[in-house]
Amino acid sequence: MKVNTTAFRFDWDAGNSGKNIKHGVEDWECEEVFFDQRKVILSDKVHSLAEDRHILIGKTKHERLLFIAFTIRRGRVRIISARDINIKEKYLYEKVT
């Protein structure tokens, strides 16, 4: 999947702002991962029934590896969920990058 790396606009509203705090992930950390030069982005075909969804695995500026599920709505990135990566996902990030 191609993602524009020059300018991202994020869609934060009452429906998704702060909802990943239950996983210990702040909204600003979700945004940082999109600027990781080594990020891995995959299509999430299993969860793409109503809209195209994607998975992003990447690092924050503080080297925290995150798993982000997101979609693009009205030209903006909308975070669906964010959490720390698991062992299999860490292997995928290291293998691809």
PDB file of N, CA and C in Angstrom:
ATOM      1  N   MET A   1       0.834  -1.171   0.000  1.00  0.00           N
ATOM      2  CA  MET A   1       0.000   0.000   0.000  1.00  0.00           C
ATOM      3  C   MET A   1       0.880   1.235   0.000  1.00  0.00           C
ATOM      4  N   LYS A   2       0.546   2.226  -0.789  1.00  0.00           N
ATOM      5  CA  LYS A   2       1.275   3.485  -0.791  1.00  0.00           C
ATOM      6  C   LYS A   2       0.596   4.452   0.164  1.00  0.00           C
ATOM      7  N   VAL A   3       1.402   5.069   0.990  1.00  0.00           N
ATOM      8  CA  VAL A   3       0.897   6.079   1.916  1.00  0.00           C
ATOM      9  C   VAL A   3       1.708   7.339   1.701  1.00  0.00           C
ATOM     10  N   ASN A   4       1.047   8.460   1.597  1.00  0.00           N
ATOM     11  CA  ASN A   4       1.718   9.736   1.436  1.00  0.00           C
ATOM     12  C   ASN A   4       2.502  10.045   2.706  1.00  0.00           C
ATOM     13  N   THR A   5       3.822  10.101   2.598  1.00  0.00           N
ATOM     14  CA  THR A   5       4.651  10.329   3.779  1.00  0.00           C
ATOM     15  C   THR A   5       4.998  11.796   3.969  1.00  0.00           C
ATOM     16  N   THR A   6       4.533  12.670   3.117  1.00  0.00           N
ATOM     17  CA  THR A   6       4.891  14.079   3.242  1.00  0.00           C
ATOM     18  C   THR A   6       3.929  14.848   4.131  1.00  0.00           C
ATOM     19  N   ALA A   7       2.647  14.486   4.121  1.00  0.00           N
ATOM     20  CA  ALA A   7       1.686  15.218   4.942  1.00  0.00           C
ATOM     21  C   ALA A   7       0.569  14.281   5.390  1.00  0.00           C
ATOM     22  N   PHE A   8       0.427  14.135   6.676  1.00  0.00           N
ATOM     23  CA  PHE A   8      -0.644  13.338   7.235  1.00  0.00           C
ATOM     24  C   PHE A   8      -1.591  14.259   7.983  1.00  0.00           C
ATOM     25  N   ARG A   9      -2.854  14.009   7.810  1.00  0.00           N
ATOM     26  CA  ARG A   9      -3.862  14.677   8.625  1.00  0.00           C
ATOM     27  C   ARG A   9      -4.568  13.570   9.382  1.00  0.00           C
ATOM     28  N   PHE A  10      -4.754  13.771  10.663  1.00  0.00           N
ATOM     29  CA  PHE A  10      -5.359  12.752  11.514  1.00  0.00           C
ATOM     30  C   PHE A  10      -6.755  13.186  11.927  1.00  0.00           C
ATOM     31  N   ASP A  11      -7.637  12.215  12.034  1.00  0.00           N
ATOM     32  CA  ASP A  11      -9.018  12.435  12.418  1.00  0.00           C
ATOM     33  C   ASP A  11      -9.195  11.991  13.863  1.00  0.00           C
ATOM     34  N   TRP A  12      -9.166  12.948  14.791  1.00  0.00           N
ATOM     35  CA  TRP A  12      -9.386  12.667  16.207  1.00  0.00           C
ATOM     36  C   TRP A  12     -10.697  13.328  16.617  1.00  0.00           C
ATOM     37  N   ASP A  13     -11.628  12.531  17.086  1.00  0.00           N
ATOM     38  CA  ASP A  13     -12.881  13.070  17.598  1.00  0.00           C
ATOM     39  C   ASP A  13     -13.260  12.290  18.855  1.00  0.00           C
ATOM     40  N   ALA A  14     -14.444  12.548  19.378  1.00  0.00           N
ATOM     41  CA  ALA A  14     -14.872  11.885  20.607  1.00  0.00           C
ATOM     42  C   ALA A  14     -14.929  10.362  20.460  1.00  0.00           C
ATOM     43  N   GLY A  15     -15.071   9.882  19.232  1.00  0.00           N
ATOM     44  CA  GLY A  15     -15.155   8.443  19.002  1.00  0.00           C
ATOM     45  C   GLY A  15     -13.838   7.708  19.082  1.00  0.00           C
ATOM     46  N   ASN A  16     -12.717   8.403  18.846  1.00  0.00           N
ATOM     47  CA  ASN A  16     -11.437   7.684  18.877  1.00  0.00           C
ATOM     48  C   ASN A  16     -10.346   8.386  19.683  1.00  0.00           C
ATOM     49  N   SER A  17     -10.526   9.611  20.052  1.00  0.00           N
ATOM     50  CA  SER A  17      -9.507  10.324  20.826  1.00  0.00           C
ATOM     51  C   SER A  17      -9.413   9.736  22.234  1.00  0.00           C
ATOM     52  N   GLY A  18      -8.207   9.349  22.606  1.00  0.00           N
ATOM     53  CA  GLY A  18      -7.958   8.822  23.946  1.00  0.00           C
ATOM     54  C   GLY A  18      -8.403   7.390  24.182  1.00  0.00           C
ATOM     55  N   LYS A  19      -8.965   6.729  23.187  1.00  0.00           N
ATOM     56  CA  LYS A  19      -9.485   5.386  23.436  1.00  0.00           C
ATOM     57  C   LYS A  19      -8.395   4.330  23.580  1.00  0.00           C
ATOM     58  N   ASN A  20      -7.177   4.621  23.127  1.00  0.00           N
ATOM     59  CA  ASN A  20      -6.095   3.642  23.238  1.00  0.00           C
ATOM     60  C   ASN A  20      -5.308   3.766  24.532  1.00  0.00           C
ATOM     61  N   ILE A  21      -5.727   4.678  25.394  1.00  0.00           N
ATOM     62  CA  ILE A  21      -5.069   4.838  26.689  1.00  0.00           C
ATOM     63  C   ILE A  21      -5.203   3.548  27.505  1.00  0.00           C
ATOM     64  N   LYS A  22      -6.261   2.760  27.222  1.00  0.00           N
ATOM     65  CA  LYS A  22      -6.434   1.471  27.910  1.00  0.00           C
ATOM     66  C   LYS A  22      -5.274   0.526  27.596  1.00  0.00           C
ATOM     67  N   HIS A  23      -4.598   0.758  26.463  1.00  0.00           N
ATOM     68  CA  HIS A  23      -3.407  -0.019  26.091  1.00  0.00           C
ATOM     69  C   HIS A  23      -2.126   0.744  26.428  1.00  0.00           C
ATOM     70  N   GLY A  24      -2.282   1.886  27.097  1.00  0.00           N
ATOM     71  CA  GLY A  24      -1.122   2.691  27.462  1.00  0.00           C
ATOM     72  C   GLY A  24      -0.534   3.484  26.312  1.00  0.00           C
ATOM     73  N   VAL A  25      -1.345   3.747  25.270  1.00  0.00           N
ATOM     74  CA  VAL A  25      -0.867   4.457  24.087  1.00  0.00           C
ATOM     75  C   VAL A  25      -1.590   5.795  23.967  1.00  0.00           C
ATOM     76  N   GLU A  26      -0.816   6.872  23.889  1.00  0.00           N
ATOM     77  CA  GLU A  26      -1.355   8.224  23.730  1.00  0.00           C
ATOM     78  C   GLU A  26      -1.595   8.513  22.245  1.00  0.00           C
ATOM     79  N   ASP A  27      -2.501   9.437  21.962  1.00  0.00           N
ATOM     80  CA  ASP A  27      -2.798   9.808  20.574  1.00  0.00           C
ATOM     81  C   ASP A  27      -1.544  10.276  19.831  1.00  0.00           C
ATOM     82  N   TRP A  28      -0.706  11.088  20.481  1.00  0.00           N
ATOM     83  CA  TRP A  28       0.487  11.618  19.820  1.00  0.00           C
ATOM     84  C   TRP A  28       1.464  10.500  19.457  1.00  0.00           C
ATOM     85  N   GLU A  29       1.483   9.418  20.242  1.00  0.00           N
ATOM     86  CA  GLU A  29       2.355   8.286  19.911  1.00  0.00           C
ATOM     87  C   GLU A  29       1.865   7.587  18.636  1.00  0.00           C
ATOM     88  N   CYS A  30       0.555   7.483  18.494  1.00  0.00           N
ATOM     89  CA  CYS A  30      -0.015   6.886  17.274  1.00  0.00           C
ATOM     90  C   CYS A  30       0.456   7.665  16.054  1.00  0.00           C
ATOM     91  N   GLU A  31       0.431   8.972  16.141  1.00  0.00           N
ATOM     92  CA  GLU A  31       0.833   9.810  15.013  1.00  0.00           C
ATOM     93  C   GLU A  31       2.309   9.660  14.704  1.00  0.00           C
ATOM     94  N   GLU A  32       3.149   9.568  15.735  1.00  0.00           N
ATOM     95  CA  GLU A  32       4.601   9.455  15.515  1.00  0.00           C
ATOM     96  C   GLU A  32       4.977   8.246  14.671  1.00  0.00           C
ATOM     97  N   VAL A  33       4.287   7.141  14.858  1.00  0.00           N
ATOM     98  CA  VAL A  33       4.635   5.899  14.168  1.00  0.00           C
ATOM     99  C   VAL A  33       4.526   6.050  12.643  1.00  0.00           C
ATOM    100  N   PHE A  34       3.636   6.919  12.174  1.00  0.00           N
ATOM    101  CA  PHE A  34       3.482   7.118  10.734  1.00  0.00           C
ATOM    102  C   PHE A  34       4.729   7.746  10.098  1.00  0.00           C
ATOM    103  N   PHE A  35       5.591   8.333  10.897  1.00  0.00           N
ATOM    104  CA  PHE A  35       6.792   8.984  10.382  1.00  0.00           C
ATOM    105  C   PHE A  35       8.057   8.140  10.556  1.00  0.00           C
ATOM    106  N   ASP A  36       7.895   6.911  11.047  1.00  0.00           N
ATOM    107  CA  ASP A  36       9.005   5.968  11.149  1.00  0.00           C
ATOM    108  C   ASP A  36       9.406   5.574   9.726  1.00  0.00           C
ATOM    109  N   GLN A  37      10.636   5.826   9.358  1.00  0.00           N
ATOM    110  CA  GLN A  37      11.120   5.514   8.009  1.00  0.00           C
ATOM    111  C   GLN A  37      11.135   4.016   7.728  1.00  0.00           C
ATOM    112  N   ARG A  38      11.137   3.198   8.763  1.00  0.00           N
ATOM    113  CA  ARG A  38      11.188   1.745   8.595  1.00  0.00           C
ATOM    114  C   ARG A  38       9.835   1.074   8.847  1.00  0.00           C
ATOM    115  N   LYS A  39       8.774   1.839   8.940  1.00  0.00           N
ATOM    116  CA  LYS A  39       7.452   1.282   9.253  1.00  0.00           C
ATOM    117  C   LYS A  39       7.033   0.228   8.229  1.00  0.00           C
ATOM    118  N   VAL A  40       6.163  -0.672   8.678  1.00  0.00           N
ATOM    119  CA  VAL A  40       5.594  -1.705   7.828  1.00  0.00           C
ATOM    120  C   VAL A  40       4.089  -1.438   7.764  1.00  0.00           C
ATOM    121  N   ILE A  41       3.550  -1.340   6.551  1.00  0.00           N
ATOM    122  CA  ILE A  41       2.112  -1.129   6.371  1.00  0.00           C
ATOM    123  C   ILE A  41       1.562  -2.272   5.529  1.00  0.00           C
ATOM    124  N   LEU A  42       0.504  -2.890   6.044  1.00  0.00           N
ATOM    125  CA  LEU A  42      -0.129  -4.021   5.380  1.00  0.00           C
ATOM    126  C   LEU A  42      -1.633  -3.778   5.270  1.00  0.00           C
ATOM    127  N   SER A  43      -2.260  -4.375   4.275  1.00  0.00           N
ATOM    128  CA  SER A  43      -3.722  -4.334   4.184  1.00  0.00           C
ATOM    129  C   SER A  43      -4.287  -5.301   5.215  1.00  0.00           C
ATOM    130  N   ASP A  44      -5.368  -4.907   5.847  1.00  0.00           N
ATOM    131  CA  ASP A  44      -6.058  -5.761   6.814  1.00  0.00           C
ATOM    132  C   ASP A  44      -7.320  -6.294   6.148  1.00  0.00           C
ATOM    133  N   LYS A  45      -7.150  -7.301   5.330  1.00  0.00           N
ATOM    134  CA  LYS A  45      -8.261  -7.847   4.540  1.00  0.00           C
ATOM    135  C   LYS A  45      -9.344  -8.475   5.417  1.00  0.00           C
ATOM    136  N   VAL A  46      -8.969  -9.024   6.547  1.00  0.00           N
ATOM    137  CA  VAL A  46      -9.934  -9.669   7.441  1.00  0.00           C
ATOM    138  C   VAL A  46     -10.954  -8.658   7.981  1.00  0.00           C
ATOM    139  N   HIS A  47     -10.497  -7.453   8.286  1.00  0.00           N
ATOM    140  CA  HIS A  47     -11.376  -6.436   8.882  1.00  0.00           C
ATOM    141  C   HIS A  47     -11.804  -5.355   7.889  1.00  0.00           C
ATOM    142  N   SER A  48     -11.657  -5.608   6.612  1.00  0.00           N
ATOM    143  CA  SER A  48     -11.964  -4.597   5.595  1.00  0.00           C
ATOM    144  C   SER A  48     -13.309  -4.829   4.914  1.00  0.00           C
ATOM    145  N   LEU A  49     -14.296  -5.264   5.640  1.00  0.00           N
ATOM    146  CA  LEU A  49     -15.595  -5.536   5.034  1.00  0.00           C
ATOM    147  C   LEU A  49     -16.342  -4.246   4.688  1.00  0.00           C
ATOM    148  N   ALA A  50     -16.423  -3.313   5.626  1.00  0.00           N
ATOM    149  CA  ALA A  50     -17.166  -2.069   5.391  1.00  0.00           C
ATOM    150  C   ALA A  50     -16.295  -0.985   4.770  1.00  0.00           C
ATOM    151  N   GLU A  51     -14.989  -1.021   5.029  1.00  0.00           N
ATOM    152  CA  GLU A  51     -14.053  -0.034   4.499  1.00  0.00           C
ATOM    153  C   GLU A  51     -12.666  -0.645   4.469  1.00  0.00           C
ATOM    154  N   ASP A  52     -11.771  -0.080   3.677  1.00  0.00           N
ATOM    155  CA  ASP A  52     -10.393  -0.566   3.634  1.00  0.00           C
ATOM    156  C   ASP A  52      -9.700  -0.219   4.944  1.00  0.00           C
ATOM    157  N   ARG A  53      -9.172  -1.239   5.585  1.00  0.00           N
ATOM    158  CA  ARG A  53      -8.414  -1.037   6.818  1.00  0.00           C
ATOM    159  C   ARG A  53      -6.983  -1.503   6.612  1.00  0.00           C
ATOM    160  N   HIS A  54      -6.097  -0.926   7.402  1.00  0.00           N
ATOM    161  CA  HIS A  54      -4.676  -1.194   7.257  1.00  0.00           C
ATOM    162  C   HIS A  54      -4.045  -1.405   8.629  1.00  0.00           C
ATOM    163  N   ILE A  55      -2.905  -2.067   8.605  1.00  0.00           N
ATOM    164  CA  ILE A  55      -2.112  -2.296   9.808  1.00  0.00           C
ATOM    165  C   ILE A  55      -0.765  -1.623   9.605  1.00  0.00           C
ATOM    166  N   LEU A  56      -0.321  -0.920  10.610  1.00  0.00           N
ATOM    167  CA  LEU A  56       0.984  -0.275  10.579  1.00  0.00           C
ATOM    168  C   LEU A  56       1.765  -0.750  11.796  1.00  0.00           C
ATOM    169  N   ILE A  57       2.992  -1.182  11.575  1.00  0.00           N
ATOM    170  CA  ILE A  57       3.899  -1.545  12.663  1.00  0.00           C
ATOM    171  C   ILE A  57       5.107  -0.635  12.536  1.00  0.00           C
ATOM    172  N   GLY A  58       5.402   0.085  13.609  1.00  0.00           N
ATOM    173  CA  GLY A  58       6.526   1.005  13.562  1.00  0.00           C
ATOM    174  C   GLY A  58       6.907   1.517  14.930  1.00  0.00           C
ATOM    175  N   LYS A  59       7.931   2.372  14.949  1.00  0.00           N
ATOM    176  CA  LYS A  59       8.480   2.890  16.200  1.00  0.00           C
ATOM    177  C   LYS A  59       8.142   4.356  16.396  1.00  0.00           C
ATOM    178  N   THR A  60       7.978   4.707  17.669  1.00  0.00           N
ATOM    179  CA  THR A  60       7.845   6.111  18.040  1.00  0.00           C
ATOM    180  C   THR A  60       9.249   6.710  18.142  1.00  0.00           C
ATOM    181  N   LYS A  61       9.327   7.992  18.400  1.00  0.00           N
ATOM    182  CA  LYS A  61      10.629   8.650  18.572  1.00  0.00           C
ATOM    183  C   LYS A  61      11.402   8.070  19.756  1.00  0.00           C
ATOM    184  N   HIS A  62      10.677   7.479  20.712  1.00  0.00           N
ATOM    185  CA  HIS A  62      11.316   6.896  21.894  1.00  0.00           C
ATOM    186  C   HIS A  62      11.524   5.388  21.743  1.00  0.00           C
ATOM    187  N   GLU A  63      11.491   4.905  20.464  1.00  0.00           N
ATOM    188  CA  GLU A  63      11.790   3.507  20.128  1.00  0.00           C
ATOM    189  C   GLU A  63      10.735   2.519  20.619  1.00  0.00           C
ATOM    190  N   ARG A  64       9.555   2.989  20.920  1.00  0.00           N
ATOM    191  CA  ARG A  64       8.466   2.086  21.314  1.00  0.00           C
ATOM    192  C   ARG A  64       7.826   1.515  20.053  1.00  0.00           C
ATOM    193  N   LEU A  65       7.761   0.192  19.959  1.00  0.00           N
ATOM    194  CA  LEU A  65       7.147  -0.466  18.806  1.00  0.00           C
ATOM    195  C   LEU A  65       5.648  -0.607  19.030  1.00  0.00           C
ATOM    196  N   LEU A  66       4.879  -0.083  18.067  1.00  0.00           N
ATOM    197  CA  LEU A  66       3.419  -0.111  18.174  1.00  0.00           C
ATOM    198  C   LEU A  66       2.780  -0.792  16.975  1.00  0.00           C
ATOM    199  N   PHE A  67       1.632  -1.382  17.228  1.00  0.00           N
ATOM    200  CA  PHE A  67       0.758  -1.963  16.215  1.00  0.00           C
ATOM    201  C   PHE A  67      -0.438  -1.019  16.112  1.00  0.00           C
ATOM    202  N   ILE A  68      -0.662  -0.465  14.917  1.00  0.00           N
ATOM    203  CA  ILE A  68      -1.743   0.496  14.698  1.00  0.00           C
ATOM    204  C   ILE A  68      -2.683  -0.060  13.631  1.00  0.00           C
ATOM    205  N   ALA A  69      -3.971  -0.117  13.943  1.00  0.00           N
ATOM    206  CA  ALA A  69      -4.991  -0.417  12.932  1.00  0.00           C
ATOM    207  C   ALA A  69      -5.616   0.925  12.556  1.00  0.00           C
ATOM    208  N   PHE A  70      -5.727   1.176  11.245  1.00  0.00           N
ATOM    209  CA  PHE A  70      -6.251   2.473  10.821  1.00  0.00           C
ATOM    210  C   PHE A  70      -6.973   2.371   9.487  1.00  0.00           C
ATOM    211  N   THR A  71      -7.689   3.417   9.165  1.00  0.00           N
ATOM    212  CA  THR A  71      -8.345   3.550   7.877  1.00  0.00           C
ATOM    213  C   THR A  71      -8.154   4.993   7.410  1.00  0.00           C
ATOM    214  N   ILE A  72      -8.488   5.245   6.169  1.00  0.00           N
ATOM    215  CA  ILE A  72      -8.454   6.606   5.630  1.00  0.00           C
ATOM    216  C   ILE A  72      -9.900   7.023   5.370  1.00  0.00           C
ATOM    217  N   ARG A  73     -10.321   8.097   6.030  1.00  0.00           N
ATOM    218  CA  ARG A  73     -11.672   8.629   5.828  1.00  0.00           C
ATOM    219  C   ARG A  73     -11.571  10.100   5.465  1.00  0.00           C
ATOM    220  N   ARG A  74     -12.196  10.449   4.359  1.00  0.00           N
ATOM    221  CA  ARG A  74     -12.214  11.845   3.898  1.00  0.00           C
ATOM    222  C   ARG A  74     -10.798  12.439   3.864  1.00  0.00           C
ATOM    223  N   GLY A  75      -9.837  11.638   3.406  1.00  0.00           N
ATOM    224  CA  GLY A  75      -8.471  12.104   3.261  1.00  0.00           C
ATOM    225  C   GLY A  75      -7.689  12.222   4.554  1.00  0.00           C
ATOM    226  N   ARG A  76      -8.230  11.689   5.636  1.00  0.00           N
ATOM    227  CA  ARG A  76      -7.543  11.749   6.935  1.00  0.00           C
ATOM    228  C   ARG A  76      -7.320  10.351   7.497  1.00  0.00           C
ATOM    229  N   VAL A  77      -6.240  10.202   8.231  1.00  0.00           N
ATOM    230  CA  VAL A  77      -5.938   8.945   8.899  1.00  0.00           C
ATOM    231  C   VAL A  77      -6.802   8.868  10.153  1.00  0.00           C
ATOM    232  N   ARG A  78      -7.555   7.786  10.277  1.00  0.00           N
ATOM    233  CA  ARG A  78      -8.370   7.570  11.475  1.00  0.00           C
ATOM    234  C   ARG A  78      -7.857   6.307  12.162  1.00  0.00           C
ATOM    235  N   ILE A  79      -7.362   6.484  13.375  1.00  0.00           N
ATOM    236  CA  ILE A  79      -6.835   5.372  14.151  1.00  0.00           C
ATOM    237  C   ILE A  79      -8.000   4.558  14.707  1.00  0.00           C
ATOM    238  N   ILE A  80      -7.968   3.266  14.470  1.00  0.00           N
ATOM    239  CA  ILE A  80      -8.996   2.374  14.995  1.00  0.00           C
ATOM    240  C   ILE A  80      -8.551   1.796  16.333  1.00  0.00           C
ATOM    241  N   SER A  81      -7.298   1.337  16.380  1.00  0.00           N
ATOM    242  CA  SER A  81      -6.742   0.846  17.640  1.00  0.00           C
ATOM    243  C   SER A  81      -5.229   0.919  17.597  1.00  0.00           C
ATOM    244  N   ALA A  82      -4.641   0.956  18.789  1.00  0.00           N
ATOM    245  CA  ALA A  82      -3.184   1.009  18.910  1.00  0.00           C
ATOM    246  C   ALA A  82      -2.775   0.280  20.184  1.00  0.00           C
ATOM    247  N   ARG A  83      -1.672  -0.464  20.081  1.00  0.00           N
ATOM    248  CA  ARG A  83      -1.160  -1.210  21.230  1.00  0.00           C
ATOM    249  C   ARG A  83       0.303  -1.535  20.986  1.00  0.00           C
ATOM    250  N   ASP A  84       0.972  -2.030  22.028  1.00  0.00           N
ATOM    251  CA  ASP A  84       2.337  -2.527  21.858  1.00  0.00           C
ATOM    252  C   ASP A  84       2.287  -3.772  20.982  1.00  0.00           C
ATOM    253  N   ILE A  85       3.359  -3.996  20.216  1.00  0.00           N
ATOM    254  CA  ILE A  85       3.386  -5.167  19.339  1.00  0.00           C
ATOM    255  C   ILE A  85       3.663  -6.426  20.155  1.00  0.00           C
ATOM    256  N   ASN A  86       3.281  -7.573  19.576  1.00  0.00           N
ATOM    257  CA  ASN A  86       3.582  -8.846  20.220  1.00  0.00           C
ATOM    258  C   ASN A  86       4.846  -9.451  19.576  1.00  0.00           C
ATOM    259  N   ILE A  87       5.219 -10.612  20.015  1.00  0.00           N
ATOM    260  CA  ILE A  87       6.471 -11.230  19.555  1.00  0.00           C
ATOM    261  C   ILE A  87       6.445 -11.504  18.044  1.00  0.00           C
ATOM    262  N   LYS A  88       5.331 -12.015  17.512  1.00  0.00           N
ATOM    263  CA  LYS A  88       5.234 -12.301  16.078  1.00  0.00           C
ATOM    264  C   LYS A  88       5.343 -11.019  15.260  1.00  0.00           C
ATOM    265  N   GLU A  89       4.702  -9.966  15.728  1.00  0.00           N
ATOM    266  CA  GLU A  89       4.739  -8.692  15.012  1.00  0.00           C
ATOM    267  C   GLU A  89       6.129  -8.072  15.067  1.00  0.00           C
ATOM    268  N   LYS A  90       6.832  -8.256  16.173  1.00  0.00           N
ATOM    269  CA  LYS A  90       8.203  -7.745  16.287  1.00  0.00           C
ATOM    270  C   LYS A  90       9.086  -8.439  15.259  1.00  0.00           C
ATOM    271  N   TYR A  91       8.901  -9.746  15.110  1.00  0.00           N
ATOM    272  CA  TYR A  91       9.656 -10.504  14.114  1.00  0.00           C
ATOM    273  C   TYR A  91       9.368  -9.974  12.713  1.00  0.00           C
ATOM    274  N   LEU A  92       8.101  -9.709  12.413  1.00  0.00           N
ATOM    275  CA  LEU A  92       7.727  -9.177  11.094  1.00  0.00           C
ATOM    276  C   LEU A  92       8.395  -7.826  10.846  1.00  0.00           C
ATOM    277  N   TYR A  93       8.376  -6.948  11.835  1.00  0.00           N
ATOM    278  CA  TYR A  93       8.999  -5.621  11.687  1.00  0.00           C
ATOM    279  C   TYR A  93      10.490  -5.780  11.422  1.00  0.00           C
ATOM    280  N   GLU A  94      11.155  -6.622  12.187  1.00  0.00           N
ATOM    281  CA  GLU A  94      12.592  -6.801  12.041  1.00  0.00           C
ATOM    282  C   GLU A  94      12.946  -7.502  10.728  1.00  0.00           C
ATOM    283  N   LYS A  95      12.109  -8.429  10.293  1.00  0.00           N
ATOM    284  CA  LYS A  95      12.359  -9.163   9.059  1.00  0.00           C
ATOM    285  C   LYS A  95      12.225  -8.244   7.840  1.00  0.00           C
ATOM    286  N   VAL A  96      11.205  -7.435   7.818  1.00  0.00           N
ATOM    287  CA  VAL A  96      10.953  -6.565   6.675  1.00  0.00           C
ATOM    288  C   VAL A  96      11.911  -5.381   6.637  1.00  0.00           C
ATOM    289  N   THR A  97      12.256  -4.864   7.797  1.00  0.00           N
ATOM    290  CA  THR A  97      13.121  -3.684   7.829  1.00  0.00           C
ATOM    291  C   THR A  97      14.550  -4.135   8.003  1.00  0.00           C
TER     292      THR A  97
END
